[in-house]
Amino acid sequence: MQELSEVRALDNTGFEGCAHARHGRTRQVLLMDRETLEAMDLRPGIIRENITTDGLNVNGLQIGQLLRVGEARLEVSEVCNPCDLMEAIRPGLRKELWGRRGMLCRVLEGGVIRRGDSIEKLS
C-alpha cells in the first residue's frame, strides 16, 4: 500500500487506481484505526487498509452506518475478517486480528478524500 495525500472514491466501486476496486461489491474500502495498529505494533498500511483513522473506534461501527469522509459518502457494509495474507506479515497475526481488522465499506457517493479529512457519522 502507498500513502497518498488524496484519492478519488468512485461511486459504488472503491478508490481510483486501487487493485481491489470492484463495481457493485460490498468490499470496496477498508477502514482501520491507528490505535489498534499501534497496540499490535503494526504500521499503517501493512494490513492493506485503504483509510487509517485516528480517534474512531472502527471495529465498533455498525453495519449500515453512513459516514462522510471528505467529499465521499460511505456505508459500512461488513466486518473484515483477516485472511491468510496476514500470516506473511507476522506468524499468528491472523488470529490476533480476528474481530479487529476493521470494517469494509461501499462508496455511496464518490469524491475526493484528502489526508487529514474528518470522518463524520451520518444518521
N, C-alpha and C. Protein backbone atom coordinates (compact mmCIF):
# COMPACT_ATOMS: atom_id res chain seq x y z
N MET A 1 0.85 -1.17 0.00
CA MET A 1 0.00 0.00 0.00
C MET A 1 0.89 1.24 0.00
N GLN A 2 0.41 2.25 -0.69
CA GLN A 2 1.16 3.50 -0.81
C GLN A 2 0.34 4.61 -0.15
N GLU A 3 0.97 5.40 0.71
CA GLU A 3 0.29 6.51 1.35
C GLU A 3 0.16 7.65 0.35
N LEU A 4 -1.07 8.17 0.24
CA LEU A 4 -1.36 9.25 -0.70
C LEU A 4 -1.88 10.46 0.06
N SER A 5 -1.67 11.65 -0.50
CA SER A 5 -2.21 12.85 0.12
C SER A 5 -3.68 13.03 -0.23
N GLU A 6 -4.11 12.45 -1.35
CA GLU A 6 -5.53 12.47 -1.70
C GLU A 6 -5.83 11.32 -2.67
N VAL A 7 -7.09 10.93 -2.67
CA VAL A 7 -7.55 9.85 -3.53
C VAL A 7 -8.99 10.15 -3.94
N ARG A 8 -9.40 9.65 -5.08
CA ARG A 8 -10.78 9.82 -5.53
C ARG A 8 -11.54 8.52 -5.29
N ALA A 9 -12.63 8.62 -4.53
CA ALA A 9 -13.53 7.49 -4.33
C ALA A 9 -14.53 7.52 -5.49
N LEU A 10 -14.73 6.37 -6.09
CA LEU A 10 -15.64 6.25 -7.24
C LEU A 10 -16.94 5.60 -6.81
N ASP A 11 -18.07 6.16 -7.26
CA ASP A 11 -19.39 5.64 -6.90
C ASP A 11 -19.45 4.13 -7.05
N ASN A 12 -19.87 3.46 -5.98
CA ASN A 12 -20.12 2.03 -5.95
C ASN A 12 -18.97 1.19 -6.52
N THR A 13 -17.72 1.67 -6.34
CA THR A 13 -16.57 0.97 -6.90
C THR A 13 -15.41 0.85 -5.91
N GLY A 14 -15.00 1.94 -5.31
CA GLY A 14 -13.81 1.96 -4.45
C GLY A 14 -12.92 3.12 -4.84
N PHE A 15 -11.63 2.99 -4.58
CA PHE A 15 -10.69 4.07 -4.86
C PHE A 15 -10.12 3.93 -6.26
N GLU A 16 -10.07 5.06 -6.95
CA GLU A 16 -9.48 5.11 -8.29
C GLU A 16 -8.05 4.57 -8.22
N GLY A 17 -7.72 3.64 -9.10
CA GLY A 17 -6.37 3.09 -9.17
C GLY A 17 -6.10 1.95 -8.20
N CYS A 18 -7.05 1.62 -7.34
CA CYS A 18 -6.86 0.53 -6.37
C CYS A 18 -7.13 -0.81 -7.06
N ALA A 19 -6.22 -1.75 -6.88
CA ALA A 19 -6.36 -3.07 -7.49
C ALA A 19 -7.58 -3.82 -6.97
N HIS A 20 -8.09 -3.44 -5.81
CA HIS A 20 -9.23 -4.14 -5.22
C HIS A 20 -10.56 -3.45 -5.49
N ALA A 21 -10.55 -2.34 -6.20
CA ALA A 21 -11.80 -1.63 -6.52
C ALA A 21 -12.62 -2.48 -7.49
N ARG A 22 -13.85 -2.76 -7.12
CA ARG A 22 -14.75 -3.56 -7.96
C ARG A 22 -16.15 -2.98 -7.89
N HIS A 23 -16.70 -2.66 -9.02
CA HIS A 23 -18.04 -2.08 -9.08
C HIS A 23 -19.07 -3.08 -8.53
N GLY A 24 -19.93 -2.57 -7.69
CA GLY A 24 -21.05 -3.35 -7.18
C GLY A 24 -20.77 -4.25 -5.99
N ARG A 25 -19.53 -4.35 -5.56
CA ARG A 25 -19.21 -5.21 -4.41
C ARG A 25 -19.37 -4.47 -3.09
N THR A 26 -19.48 -5.20 -2.01
CA THR A 26 -19.57 -4.58 -0.69
C THR A 26 -18.19 -4.35 -0.08
N ARG A 27 -17.16 -4.94 -0.65
CA ARG A 27 -15.79 -4.85 -0.14
C ARG A 27 -15.00 -3.83 -0.96
N GLN A 28 -15.33 -2.53 -0.85
CA GLN A 28 -14.72 -1.51 -1.69
C GLN A 28 -13.65 -0.69 -0.98
N VAL A 29 -13.85 -0.40 0.30
CA VAL A 29 -12.90 0.42 1.06
C VAL A 29 -12.76 -0.20 2.46
N LEU A 30 -11.52 -0.41 2.89
CA LEU A 30 -11.27 -0.95 4.23
C LEU A 30 -10.80 0.16 5.15
N LEU A 31 -11.53 0.33 6.27
CA LEU A 31 -11.16 1.29 7.31
C LEU A 31 -10.51 0.55 8.47
N MET A 32 -9.44 1.12 9.00
CA MET A 32 -8.76 0.55 10.17
C MET A 32 -8.30 1.71 11.04
N ASP A 33 -8.37 1.52 12.37
CA ASP A 33 -7.96 2.62 13.25
C ASP A 33 -6.50 2.48 13.68
N ARG A 34 -5.86 3.62 13.74
CA ARG A 34 -4.44 3.70 14.11
C ARG A 34 -4.20 3.13 15.52
N GLU A 35 -5.15 3.32 16.40
CA GLU A 35 -4.98 2.86 17.78
C GLU A 35 -4.81 1.34 17.84
N THR A 36 -5.61 0.61 17.07
CA THR A 36 -5.48 -0.85 17.03
C THR A 36 -4.15 -1.25 16.41
N LEU A 37 -3.78 -0.58 15.33
CA LEU A 37 -2.49 -0.88 14.68
C LEU A 37 -1.34 -0.69 15.67
N GLU A 38 -1.34 0.44 16.38
CA GLU A 38 -0.27 0.73 17.33
C GLU A 38 -0.24 -0.29 18.47
N ALA A 39 -1.42 -0.69 18.96
CA ALA A 39 -1.49 -1.67 20.05
C ALA A 39 -0.93 -3.02 19.62
N MET A 40 -0.98 -3.29 18.31
CA MET A 40 -0.48 -4.57 17.78
C MET A 40 0.90 -4.41 17.14
N ASP A 41 1.50 -3.23 17.32
CA ASP A 41 2.83 -2.93 16.79
C ASP A 41 2.90 -3.13 15.26
N LEU A 42 1.90 -2.57 14.58
CA LEU A 42 1.81 -2.62 13.12
C LEU A 42 1.83 -1.21 12.56
N ARG A 43 2.47 -1.02 11.42
CA ARG A 43 2.49 0.31 10.81
C ARG A 43 1.26 0.49 9.91
N PRO A 44 0.79 1.72 9.75
CA PRO A 44 -0.35 1.97 8.86
C PRO A 44 -0.06 1.46 7.45
N GLY A 45 -1.06 0.81 6.87
CA GLY A 45 -0.97 0.28 5.51
C GLY A 45 -0.53 -1.17 5.43
N ILE A 46 0.08 -1.69 6.48
CA ILE A 46 0.64 -3.04 6.43
C ILE A 46 -0.44 -4.11 6.27
N ILE A 47 -1.64 -3.87 6.82
CA ILE A 47 -2.70 -4.87 6.67
C ILE A 47 -3.61 -4.56 5.48
N ARG A 48 -3.15 -3.63 4.65
CA ARG A 48 -3.80 -3.29 3.38
C ARG A 48 -5.09 -2.49 3.54
N GLU A 49 -5.18 -1.72 4.62
CA GLU A 49 -6.35 -0.86 4.76
C GLU A 49 -6.24 0.31 3.79
N ASN A 50 -7.39 0.82 3.37
CA ASN A 50 -7.42 1.98 2.48
C ASN A 50 -7.37 3.29 3.26
N ILE A 51 -8.00 3.31 4.42
CA ILE A 51 -8.03 4.50 5.26
C ILE A 51 -7.66 4.10 6.67
N THR A 52 -6.66 4.79 7.23
CA THR A 52 -6.28 4.61 8.63
C THR A 52 -6.84 5.80 9.39
N THR A 53 -7.69 5.53 10.37
CA THR A 53 -8.35 6.60 11.11
C THR A 53 -7.61 6.90 12.41
N ASP A 54 -7.90 8.07 12.98
CA ASP A 54 -7.42 8.47 14.30
C ASP A 54 -8.63 8.83 15.14
N GLY A 55 -8.75 8.23 16.32
CA GLY A 55 -9.81 8.62 17.25
C GLY A 55 -11.18 8.06 16.92
N LEU A 56 -11.29 7.11 16.03
CA LEU A 56 -12.57 6.49 15.68
C LEU A 56 -12.44 4.99 15.92
N ASN A 57 -13.29 4.44 16.77
CA ASN A 57 -13.29 3.01 17.02
C ASN A 57 -13.94 2.31 15.83
N VAL A 58 -13.15 2.02 14.83
CA VAL A 58 -13.66 1.44 13.59
C VAL A 58 -14.36 0.11 13.85
N ASN A 59 -13.78 -0.72 14.70
CA ASN A 59 -14.36 -2.04 14.96
C ASN A 59 -15.69 -1.95 15.71
N GLY A 60 -16.02 -0.80 16.25
CA GLY A 60 -17.29 -0.59 16.94
C GLY A 60 -18.38 -0.05 16.03
N LEU A 61 -18.05 0.24 14.77
CA LEU A 61 -19.07 0.74 13.84
C LEU A 61 -20.08 -0.36 13.51
N GLN A 62 -21.32 0.04 13.33
CA GLN A 62 -22.38 -0.90 12.99
C GLN A 62 -22.53 -1.04 11.48
N ILE A 63 -22.90 -2.23 11.03
CA ILE A 63 -23.21 -2.45 9.62
C ILE A 63 -24.36 -1.50 9.26
N GLY A 64 -24.22 -0.82 8.14
CA GLY A 64 -25.23 0.15 7.71
C GLY A 64 -24.93 1.58 8.11
N GLN A 65 -23.95 1.79 9.01
CA GLN A 65 -23.59 3.14 9.43
C GLN A 65 -23.12 3.94 8.22
N LEU A 66 -23.64 5.13 8.05
CA LEU A 66 -23.21 6.02 6.97
C LEU A 66 -22.13 6.95 7.48
N LEU A 67 -21.14 7.19 6.64
CA LEU A 67 -20.01 8.04 7.00
C LEU A 67 -19.75 9.05 5.90
N ARG A 68 -19.37 10.27 6.30
CA ARG A 68 -18.88 11.27 5.36
C ARG A 68 -17.38 11.35 5.58
N VAL A 69 -16.62 11.10 4.53
CA VAL A 69 -15.16 11.19 4.58
C VAL A 69 -14.75 12.10 3.43
N GLY A 70 -14.29 13.31 3.77
CA GLY A 70 -14.00 14.28 2.71
C GLY A 70 -15.27 14.53 1.91
N GLU A 71 -15.16 14.42 0.59
CA GLU A 71 -16.32 14.63 -0.28
C GLU A 71 -17.15 13.37 -0.48
N ALA A 72 -16.66 12.24 -0.01
CA ALA A 72 -17.32 10.96 -0.26
C ALA A 72 -18.26 10.56 0.87
N ARG A 73 -19.23 9.75 0.49
CA ARG A 73 -20.16 9.17 1.47
C ARG A 73 -20.03 7.66 1.37
N LEU A 74 -19.76 7.02 2.53
CA LEU A 74 -19.56 5.57 2.59
C LEU A 74 -20.62 4.93 3.46
N GLU A 75 -20.85 3.64 3.23
CA GLU A 75 -21.73 2.85 4.07
C GLU A 75 -20.93 1.65 4.58
N VAL A 76 -20.90 1.47 5.89
CA VAL A 76 -20.23 0.30 6.48
C VAL A 76 -21.02 -0.93 6.04
N SER A 77 -20.34 -1.86 5.35
CA SER A 77 -21.04 -2.98 4.75
C SER A 77 -20.77 -4.33 5.41
N GLU A 78 -19.57 -4.52 5.96
CA GLU A 78 -19.28 -5.81 6.60
C GLU A 78 -17.99 -5.74 7.41
N VAL A 79 -17.86 -6.69 8.32
CA VAL A 79 -16.63 -6.85 9.11
C VAL A 79 -15.58 -7.43 8.18
N CYS A 80 -14.35 -6.97 8.31
CA CYS A 80 -13.26 -7.52 7.52
C CYS A 80 -12.58 -8.62 8.34
N ASN A 81 -12.80 -9.85 7.93
CA ASN A 81 -12.16 -10.98 8.60
C ASN A 81 -10.75 -11.15 8.05
N PRO A 82 -9.77 -11.34 8.92
CA PRO A 82 -8.39 -11.48 8.47
C PRO A 82 -8.19 -12.75 7.64
N CYS A 83 -7.37 -12.63 6.62
CA CYS A 83 -7.10 -13.74 5.72
C CYS A 83 -5.69 -14.28 5.96
N ASP A 84 -5.33 -15.31 5.22
CA ASP A 84 -4.02 -15.94 5.37
C ASP A 84 -2.86 -15.00 5.03
N LEU A 85 -3.12 -13.94 4.25
CA LEU A 85 -2.06 -12.99 3.92
C LEU A 85 -1.46 -12.33 5.16
N MET A 86 -2.24 -12.28 6.25
CA MET A 86 -1.76 -11.68 7.49
C MET A 86 -0.60 -12.48 8.08
N GLU A 87 -0.58 -13.78 7.82
CA GLU A 87 0.49 -14.64 8.33
C GLU A 87 1.84 -14.29 7.72
N ALA A 88 1.84 -13.74 6.50
CA ALA A 88 3.10 -13.34 5.86
C ALA A 88 3.69 -12.11 6.55
N ILE A 89 2.85 -11.34 7.21
CA ILE A 89 3.33 -10.14 7.93
C ILE A 89 3.98 -10.57 9.24
N ARG A 90 3.27 -11.48 9.95
CA ARG A 90 3.78 -11.97 11.23
C ARG A 90 3.03 -13.26 11.57
N PRO A 91 3.75 -14.33 11.85
CA PRO A 91 3.06 -15.57 12.23
C PRO A 91 2.13 -15.33 13.43
N GLY A 92 0.91 -15.80 13.31
CA GLY A 92 -0.08 -15.63 14.37
C GLY A 92 -0.93 -14.38 14.23
N LEU A 93 -0.59 -13.50 13.27
CA LEU A 93 -1.30 -12.23 13.14
C LEU A 93 -2.76 -12.43 12.75
N ARG A 94 -3.04 -13.41 11.92
CA ARG A 94 -4.44 -13.64 11.53
C ARG A 94 -5.31 -13.85 12.77
N LYS A 95 -4.85 -14.67 13.67
CA LYS A 95 -5.60 -14.93 14.91
C LYS A 95 -5.67 -13.67 15.78
N GLU A 96 -4.55 -12.94 15.89
CA GLU A 96 -4.53 -11.71 16.69
C GLU A 96 -5.53 -10.68 16.17
N LEU A 97 -5.69 -10.62 14.84
CA LEU A 97 -6.54 -9.61 14.21
C LEU A 97 -8.02 -10.00 14.18
N TRP A 98 -8.35 -11.23 14.56
CA TRP A 98 -9.74 -11.67 14.47
C TRP A 98 -10.63 -10.73 15.28
N GLY A 99 -11.63 -10.14 14.62
CA GLY A 99 -12.53 -9.17 15.26
C GLY A 99 -11.96 -7.78 15.38
N ARG A 100 -10.74 -7.56 14.82
CA ARG A 100 -10.08 -6.26 14.97
C ARG A 100 -9.47 -5.74 13.67
N ARG A 101 -9.76 -6.38 12.53
CA ARG A 101 -9.11 -5.96 11.28
C ARG A 101 -9.80 -4.78 10.61
N GLY A 102 -10.85 -4.29 11.16
CA GLY A 102 -11.50 -3.12 10.60
C GLY A 102 -12.82 -3.45 9.93
N MET A 103 -13.37 -2.45 9.26
CA MET A 103 -14.68 -2.58 8.63
C MET A 103 -14.58 -2.22 7.15
N LEU A 104 -15.29 -2.99 6.36
CA LEU A 104 -15.37 -2.74 4.92
C LEU A 104 -16.55 -1.84 4.63
N CYS A 105 -16.39 -0.99 3.64
CA CYS A 105 -17.43 -0.04 3.26
C CYS A 105 -17.63 -0.08 1.76
N ARG A 106 -18.79 0.40 1.38
CA ARG A 106 -19.04 0.60 -0.05
C ARG A 106 -19.22 2.10 -0.25
N VAL A 107 -18.85 2.58 -1.43
CA VAL A 107 -18.91 4.00 -1.75
C VAL A 107 -20.30 4.32 -2.29
N LEU A 108 -21.06 5.10 -1.51
CA LEU A 108 -22.40 5.52 -1.95
C LEU A 108 -22.31 6.73 -2.88
N GLU A 109 -21.44 7.67 -2.53
CA GLU A 109 -21.20 8.87 -3.34
C GLU A 109 -19.70 9.09 -3.40
N GLY A 110 -19.18 9.17 -4.59
CA GLY A 110 -17.75 9.38 -4.76
C GLY A 110 -17.33 10.81 -4.49
N GLY A 111 -16.05 11.02 -4.51
CA GLY A 111 -15.48 12.35 -4.31
C GLY A 111 -14.05 12.21 -3.82
N VAL A 112 -13.40 13.35 -3.66
CA VAL A 112 -12.00 13.37 -3.23
C VAL A 112 -11.92 13.25 -1.72
N ILE A 113 -11.01 12.41 -1.26
CA ILE A 113 -10.69 12.26 0.16
C ILE A 113 -9.23 12.66 0.31
N ARG A 114 -8.98 13.59 1.23
CA ARG A 114 -7.62 14.08 1.46
C ARG A 114 -7.12 13.63 2.83
N ARG A 115 -5.83 13.45 2.91
CA ARG A 115 -5.23 13.10 4.19
C ARG A 115 -5.61 14.16 5.22
N GLY A 116 -6.09 13.71 6.38
CA GLY A 116 -6.48 14.64 7.44
C GLY A 116 -7.95 15.01 7.42
N ASP A 117 -8.70 14.60 6.37
CA ASP A 117 -10.14 14.87 6.35
C ASP A 117 -10.81 14.21 7.55
N SER A 118 -11.81 14.88 8.09
CA SER A 118 -12.54 14.29 9.21
C SER A 118 -13.49 13.21 8.70
N ILE A 119 -13.86 12.31 9.63
CA ILE A 119 -14.84 11.27 9.34
C ILE A 119 -16.04 11.57 10.21
N GLU A 120 -17.16 11.78 9.56
CA GLU A 120 -18.39 12.14 10.27
C GLU A 120 -19.40 11.02 10.15
N LYS A 121 -19.95 10.61 11.31
CA LYS A 121 -21.03 9.63 11.29
C LYS A 121 -22.31 10.35 10.88
N LEU A 122 -23.02 9.80 9.90
CA LEU A 122 -24.28 10.37 9.44
C LEU A 122 -25.43 9.52 9.96
N SER A 123 -26.60 10.14 10.12
CA SER A 123 -27.76 9.37 10.56
C SER A 123 -28.61 8.95 9.40
